[in-house]
């Protein structure tokens, strides 16, 4: 794994050891950022199931001002911290070792707001629609925020507009499916 583009381009990232996480491949990561970016002029991102931290690091490399990464596994947090150190800009990243649902509550209590959200939960534990509803309830999204859900084909997320979310695009890469929504405040 490596950073595909931007300030950290070409830097090697470690994957989380073991089989508990599946890193987003460089091919899928590059395609994803070509769809939603490819570059950004600031903004805050949230990676609720961060794994190796590769998506957040790629986003910051491409211009996101700061990234919040959440994962509940010790090995993932250790890997994220190593990968962040590779950027030599650790001040742009905040890492929390906790369950995604608890993290949403904590971030809502802190008044955090995000412009880009990555949702790449373990395939067997997908609750993406519930996570989206919770983010709206806690007022965690800036108007126009982009939501990227990375799932398998069984998730079958809606390809029509949802309450507060406009469907943008769905793209399939092997067993990986990217579904992108845009948040609408009203």
C-alpha atoms as a PDB file:
ATOM      1  CA  UNK A   1       0.000   0.000   0.000  1.00  0.00           C
ATOM      2  CA  UNK A   2       1.138   3.506  -0.761  1.00  0.00           C
ATOM      3  CA  UNK A   3      -0.122   7.071  -0.924  1.00  0.00           C
ATOM      4  CA  UNK A   4      -1.269   7.556  -4.523  1.00  0.00           C
ATOM      5  CA  UNK A   5      -1.117  11.356  -4.972  1.00  0.00           C
ATOM      6  CA  UNK A   6      -0.533  14.708  -3.306  1.00  0.00           C
ATOM      7  CA  UNK A   7       1.967  15.870  -0.684  1.00  0.00           C
ATOM      8  CA  UNK A   8       2.709  12.345   0.609  1.00  0.00           C
ATOM      9  CA  UNK A   9       2.702  10.662  -2.818  1.00  0.00           C
ATOM     10  CA  UNK A  10       4.634   7.408  -3.013  1.00  0.00           C
ATOM     11  CA  UNK A  11       5.055   6.960   0.737  1.00  0.00           C
ATOM     12  CA  UNK A  12       4.607   3.343   1.775  1.00  0.00           C
ATOM     13  CA  UNK A  13       1.871   2.521   4.276  1.00  0.00           C
ATOM     14  CA  UNK A  14       1.581  -0.609   6.386  1.00  0.00           C
ATOM     15  CA  UNK A  15      -1.514  -2.790   6.428  1.00  0.00           C
ATOM     16  CA  UNK A  16      -2.998  -3.936   9.732  1.00  0.00           C
ATOM     17  CA  UNK A  17      -1.527  -7.369  10.539  1.00  0.00           C
ATOM     18  CA  UNK A  18      -3.905 -10.329  10.544  1.00  0.00           C
ATOM     19  CA  UNK A  19      -7.226 -10.859   8.835  1.00  0.00           C
ATOM     20  CA  UNK A  20      -9.432  -8.552  10.935  1.00  0.00           C
ATOM     21  CA  UNK A  21      -9.247  -5.668   8.431  1.00  0.00           C
ATOM     22  CA  UNK A  22      -9.071  -5.456   4.653  1.00  0.00           C
ATOM     23  CA  UNK A  23      -7.223  -2.419   3.350  1.00  0.00           C
ATOM     24  CA  UNK A  24      -8.640  -0.456   0.447  1.00  0.00           C
ATOM     25  CA  UNK A  25      -6.478  -1.336  -2.546  1.00  0.00           C
ATOM     26  CA  UNK A  26      -4.456   1.400  -4.235  1.00  0.00           C
ATOM     27  CA  UNK A  27      -6.574   0.921  -7.376  1.00  0.00           C
ATOM     28  CA  UNK A  28      -9.853   1.469  -5.523  1.00  0.00           C
ATOM     29  CA  UNK A  29      -8.370   4.369  -3.520  1.00  0.00           C
ATOM     30  CA  UNK A  30      -7.197   6.117  -6.693  1.00  0.00           C
ATOM     31  CA  UNK A  31     -10.574   5.591  -8.379  1.00  0.00           C
ATOM     32  CA  UNK A  32     -12.405   6.861  -5.299  1.00  0.00           C
ATOM     33  CA  UNK A  33     -10.418  10.094  -5.123  1.00  0.00           C
ATOM     34  CA  UNK A  34     -10.791  10.639  -8.864  1.00  0.00           C
ATOM     35  CA  UNK A  35     -14.558  10.516  -8.304  1.00  0.00           C
ATOM     36  CA  UNK A  36     -14.777  12.755  -5.208  1.00  0.00           C
ATOM     37  CA  UNK A  37     -11.787  15.067  -5.704  1.00  0.00           C
ATOM     38  CA  UNK A  38      -9.238  14.471  -6.817  1.00  0.00           C
ATOM     39  CA  UNK A  39      -7.839  17.337  -4.699  1.00  0.00           C
ATOM     40  CA  UNK A  40      -9.312  19.400  -1.864  1.00  0.00           C
ATOM     41  CA  UNK A  41      -8.991  22.922  -0.526  1.00  0.00           C
ATOM     42  CA  UNK A  42      -9.210  22.240   3.206  1.00  0.00           C
ATOM     43  CA  UNK A  43     -12.060  20.644   5.118  1.00  0.00           C
ATOM     44  CA  UNK A  44     -12.319  18.016   7.848  1.00  0.00           C
ATOM     45  CA  UNK A  45     -12.642  14.283   7.280  1.00  0.00           C
ATOM     46  CA  UNK A  46     -13.879  11.431   9.455  1.00  0.00           C
ATOM     47  CA  UNK A  47     -12.927   7.789   8.973  1.00  0.00           C
ATOM     48  CA  UNK A  48     -15.218   5.818  11.255  1.00  0.00           C
ATOM     49  CA  UNK A  49     -13.634   2.388  10.618  1.00  0.00           C
ATOM     50  CA  UNK A  50     -10.102   3.535   9.871  1.00  0.00           C
ATOM     51  CA  UNK A  51      -8.192   0.235   9.639  1.00  0.00           C
ATOM     52  CA  UNK A  52      -4.720   1.262   8.430  1.00  0.00           C
ATOM     53  CA  UNK A  53      -5.694   4.936   8.063  1.00  0.00           C
ATOM     54  CA  UNK A  54      -4.902   4.867   4.341  1.00  0.00           C
ATOM     55  CA  UNK A  55      -8.030   6.715   3.185  1.00  0.00           C
ATOM     56  CA  UNK A  56      -7.560   9.572   5.662  1.00  0.00           C
ATOM     57  CA  UNK A  57      -3.859   9.876   4.890  1.00  0.00           C
ATOM     58  CA  UNK A  58      -4.655   9.978   1.160  1.00  0.00           C
ATOM     59  CA  UNK A  59      -7.277  12.695   1.790  1.00  0.00           C
ATOM     60  CA  UNK A  60      -4.867  14.865   3.794  1.00  0.00           C
ATOM     61  CA  UNK A  61      -2.183  14.277   1.157  1.00  0.00           C
ATOM     62  CA  UNK A  62      -4.658  15.688  -1.385  1.00  0.00           C
ATOM     63  CA  UNK A  63      -5.551  18.819   0.620  1.00  0.00           C
ATOM     64  CA  UNK A  64      -7.969  17.903   3.432  1.00  0.00           C
ATOM     65  CA  UNK A  65      -6.925  20.130   6.379  1.00  0.00           C
ATOM     66  CA  UNK A  66      -7.399  17.560   9.141  1.00  0.00           C
ATOM     67  CA  UNK A  67      -8.597  14.008   9.628  1.00  0.00           C
ATOM     68  CA  UNK A  68     -10.248  12.187  12.517  1.00  0.00           C
ATOM     69  CA  UNK A  69      -9.690   8.423  12.505  1.00  0.00           C
ATOM     70  CA  UNK A  70     -11.622   5.931  14.635  1.00  0.00           C
ATOM     71  CA  UNK A  71     -11.007   2.216  15.081  1.00  0.00           C
ATOM     72  CA  UNK A  72     -11.602  -0.094  18.005  1.00  0.00           C
ATOM     73  CA  UNK A  73      -8.799  -2.594  17.368  1.00  0.00           C
ATOM     74  CA  UNK A  74      -5.451  -2.173  19.088  1.00  0.00           C
ATOM     75  CA  UNK A  75      -3.487  -3.438  16.037  1.00  0.00           C
ATOM     76  CA  UNK A  76      -5.318  -0.978  13.775  1.00  0.00           C
ATOM     77  CA  UNK A  77      -4.518   1.966  16.075  1.00  0.00           C
ATOM     78  CA  UNK A  78      -0.870   0.928  16.206  1.00  0.00           C
ATOM     79  CA  UNK A  79      -0.759   0.712  12.393  1.00  0.00           C
ATOM     80  CA  UNK A  80      -2.552   4.065  11.984  1.00  0.00           C
ATOM     81  CA  UNK A  81      -0.048   5.754  14.286  1.00  0.00           C
ATOM     82  CA  UNK A  82       2.874   4.259  12.341  1.00  0.00           C
ATOM     83  CA  UNK A  83       1.357   5.320   9.006  1.00  0.00           C
ATOM     84  CA  UNK A  84       0.685   8.844  10.273  1.00  0.00           C
ATOM     85  CA  UNK A  85       4.324   9.100  11.357  1.00  0.00           C
ATOM     86  CA  UNK A  86       5.315   8.434   7.719  1.00  0.00           C
ATOM     87  CA  UNK A  87       3.595  11.721   6.740  1.00  0.00           C
ATOM     88  CA  UNK A  88       5.695  13.770   9.198  1.00  0.00           C
ATOM     89  CA  UNK A  89       2.537  15.880   9.769  1.00  0.00           C
ATOM     90  CA  UNK A  90       0.954  14.141  12.755  1.00  0.00           C
ATOM     91  CA  UNK A  91      -0.708  17.413  13.848  1.00  0.00           C
ATOM     92  CA  UNK A  92      -3.223  17.018  10.990  1.00  0.00           C
ATOM     93  CA  UNK A  93      -4.571  13.739  12.417  1.00  0.00           C
ATOM     94  CA  UNK A  94      -6.626  12.853  15.507  1.00  0.00           C
ATOM     95  CA  UNK A  95      -6.947   9.161  16.366  1.00  0.00           C
ATOM     96  CA  UNK A  96      -9.480   7.539  18.710  1.00  0.00           C
ATOM     97  CA  UNK A  97      -9.463   3.910  19.845  1.00  0.00           C
ATOM     98  CA  UNK A  98     -13.147   3.266  20.386  1.00  0.00           C
ATOM     99  CA  UNK A  99     -16.303   1.802  18.943  1.00  0.00           C
ATOM    100  CA  UNK A 100     -17.733   3.771  15.999  1.00  0.00           C
ATOM    101  CA  UNK A 101     -21.110   4.425  17.677  1.00  0.00           C
ATOM    102  CA  UNK A 102     -19.468   5.761  20.844  1.00  0.00           C
ATOM    103  CA  UNK A 103     -17.161   7.903  18.717  1.00  0.00           C
ATOM    104  CA  UNK A 104     -20.131   9.500  16.938  1.00  0.00           C
ATOM    105  CA  UNK A 105     -21.669  10.439  20.288  1.00  0.00           C
ATOM    106  CA  UNK A 106     -18.390  11.851  21.577  1.00  0.00           C
ATOM    107  CA  UNK A 107     -17.757  13.845  18.380  1.00  0.00           C
ATOM    108  CA  UNK A 108     -21.306  15.214  18.487  1.00  0.00           C
ATOM    109  CA  UNK A 109     -20.782  16.287  22.095  1.00  0.00           C
ATOM    110  CA  UNK A 110     -17.546  18.051  21.044  1.00  0.00           C
ATOM    111  CA  UNK A 111     -19.365  19.934  18.273  1.00  0.00           C
ATOM    112  CA  UNK A 112     -17.228  18.393  15.511  1.00  0.00           C
ATOM    113  CA  UNK A 113     -18.295  18.919  11.881  1.00  0.00           C
ATOM    114  CA  UNK A 114     -17.088  17.054   8.801  1.00  0.00           C
ATOM    115  CA  UNK A 115     -16.923  17.670   5.047  1.00  0.00           C
ATOM    116  CA  UNK A 116     -15.873  14.154   4.012  1.00  0.00           C
ATOM    117  CA  UNK A 117     -16.785  10.883   5.738  1.00  0.00           C
ATOM    118  CA  UNK A 118     -15.434   7.422   4.935  1.00  0.00           C
ATOM    119  CA  UNK A 119     -17.556   4.461   6.038  1.00  0.00           C
ATOM    120  CA  UNK A 120     -15.760   1.160   5.467  1.00  0.00           C
ATOM    121  CA  UNK A 121     -17.070  -1.116   8.228  1.00  0.00           C
ATOM    122  CA  UNK A 122     -16.392  -4.832   8.481  1.00  0.00           C
ATOM    123  CA  UNK A 123     -18.678  -6.342   5.847  1.00  0.00           C
ATOM    124  CA  UNK A 124     -20.523  -8.476   8.406  1.00  0.00           C
ATOM    125  CA  UNK A 125     -21.272  -5.454  10.629  1.00  0.00           C
ATOM    126  CA  UNK A 126     -22.550  -2.892   8.151  1.00  0.00           C
ATOM    127  CA  UNK A 127     -25.005  -0.384   9.614  1.00  0.00           C
ATOM    128  CA  UNK A 128     -24.309   2.426   7.180  1.00  0.00           C
ATOM    129  CA  UNK A 129     -27.869   3.789   6.994  1.00  0.00           C
ATOM    130  CA  UNK A 130     -28.035   3.878  10.811  1.00  0.00           C
ATOM    131  CA  UNK A 131     -24.632   5.611  10.920  1.00  0.00           C
ATOM    132  CA  UNK A 132     -25.850   8.237   8.433  1.00  0.00           C
ATOM    133  CA  UNK A 133     -29.005   8.879  10.470  1.00  0.00           C
ATOM    134  CA  UNK A 134     -26.929   9.208  13.663  1.00  0.00           C
ATOM    135  CA  UNK A 135     -24.593  11.742  11.990  1.00  0.00           C
ATOM    136  CA  UNK A 136     -27.613  13.862  10.993  1.00  0.00           C
ATOM    137  CA  UNK A 137     -29.137  13.571  14.472  1.00  0.00           C
ATOM    138  CA  UNK A 138     -25.841  14.687  16.079  1.00  0.00           C
ATOM    139  CA  UNK A 139     -25.306  17.504  13.528  1.00  0.00           C
ATOM    140  CA  UNK A 140     -21.876  16.157  12.527  1.00  0.00           C
ATOM    141  CA  UNK A 141     -22.030  17.072   8.829  1.00  0.00           C
ATOM    142  CA  UNK A 142     -21.444  20.353   7.064  1.00  0.00           C
ATOM    143  CA  UNK A 143     -23.869  21.123   4.246  1.00  0.00           C
ATOM    144  CA  UNK A 144     -22.614  19.457   1.069  1.00  0.00           C
ATOM    145  CA  UNK A 145     -20.498  16.892   2.940  1.00  0.00           C
ATOM    146  CA  UNK A 146     -19.477  13.870   0.872  1.00  0.00           C
ATOM    147  CA  UNK A 147     -20.130  10.409   2.297  1.00  0.00           C
ATOM    148  CA  UNK A 148     -18.201   7.464   0.850  1.00  0.00           C
ATOM    149  CA  UNK A 149     -19.402   3.985   1.778  1.00  0.00           C
ATOM    150  CA  UNK A 150     -17.165   1.061   0.879  1.00  0.00           C
ATOM    151  CA  UNK A 151     -19.038  -2.221   1.085  1.00  0.00           C
ATOM    152  CA  UNK A 152     -19.410  -5.576  -0.592  1.00  0.00           C
ATOM    153  CA  UNK A 153     -22.232  -6.250  -3.065  1.00  0.00           C
ATOM    154  CA  UNK A 154     -24.464  -7.757  -0.380  1.00  0.00           C
ATOM    155  CA  UNK A 155     -24.850  -4.384   1.353  1.00  0.00           C
ATOM    156  CA  UNK A 156     -27.028  -3.163  -1.530  1.00  0.00           C
ATOM    157  CA  UNK A 157     -27.199   0.468  -0.385  1.00  0.00           C
ATOM    158  CA  UNK A 158     -29.939   2.581  -2.006  1.00  0.00           C
ATOM    159  CA  UNK A 159     -29.155   4.232  -5.341  1.00  0.00           C
ATOM    160  CA  UNK A 160     -31.814   6.868  -4.884  1.00  0.00           C
ATOM    161  CA  UNK A 161     -31.868   9.965  -2.709  1.00  0.00           C
ATOM    162  CA  UNK A 162     -32.378   9.375   1.005  1.00  0.00           C
ATOM    163  CA  UNK A 163     -33.695  11.803   3.596  1.00  0.00           C
ATOM    164  CA  UNK A 164     -30.909  14.424   3.858  1.00  0.00           C
ATOM    165  CA  UNK A 165     -28.676  12.616   1.339  1.00  0.00           C
ATOM    166  CA  UNK A 166     -28.495  12.885  -2.435  1.00  0.00           C
ATOM    167  CA  UNK A 167     -27.230   9.775  -4.201  1.00  0.00           C
ATOM    168  CA  UNK A 168     -24.158  10.683  -6.269  1.00  0.00           C
ATOM    169  CA  UNK A 169     -22.689   7.493  -7.706  1.00  0.00           C
ATOM    170  CA  UNK A 170     -22.082   3.773  -7.295  1.00  0.00           C
ATOM    171  CA  UNK A 171     -18.984   2.079  -8.676  1.00  0.00           C
ATOM    172  CA  UNK A 172     -18.020  -1.602  -8.410  1.00  0.00           C
ATOM    173  CA  UNK A 173     -14.455  -2.955  -8.320  1.00  0.00           C
ATOM    174  CA  UNK A 174     -14.528  -6.759  -8.001  1.00  0.00           C
ATOM    175  CA  UNK A 175     -16.253  -7.469  -4.673  1.00  0.00           C
ATOM    176  CA  UNK A 176     -15.804  -3.855  -3.508  1.00  0.00           C
ATOM    177  CA  UNK A 177     -18.647  -1.388  -4.043  1.00  0.00           C
ATOM    178  CA  UNK A 178     -18.255   2.362  -3.537  1.00  0.00           C
ATOM    179  CA  UNK A 179     -21.502   4.251  -2.917  1.00  0.00           C
ATOM    180  CA  UNK A 180     -21.277   8.026  -2.646  1.00  0.00           C
ATOM    181  CA  UNK A 181     -23.844  10.406  -1.165  1.00  0.00           C
ATOM    182  CA  UNK A 182     -23.891  14.184  -0.637  1.00  0.00           C
ATOM    183  CA  UNK A 183     -25.433  15.595   2.555  1.00  0.00           C
ATOM    184  CA  UNK A 184     -28.159  18.224   2.210  1.00  0.00           C
ATOM    185  CA  UNK A 185     -28.898  20.253   5.326  1.00  0.00           C
ATOM    186  CA  UNK A 186     -32.474  21.003   4.237  1.00  0.00           C
END
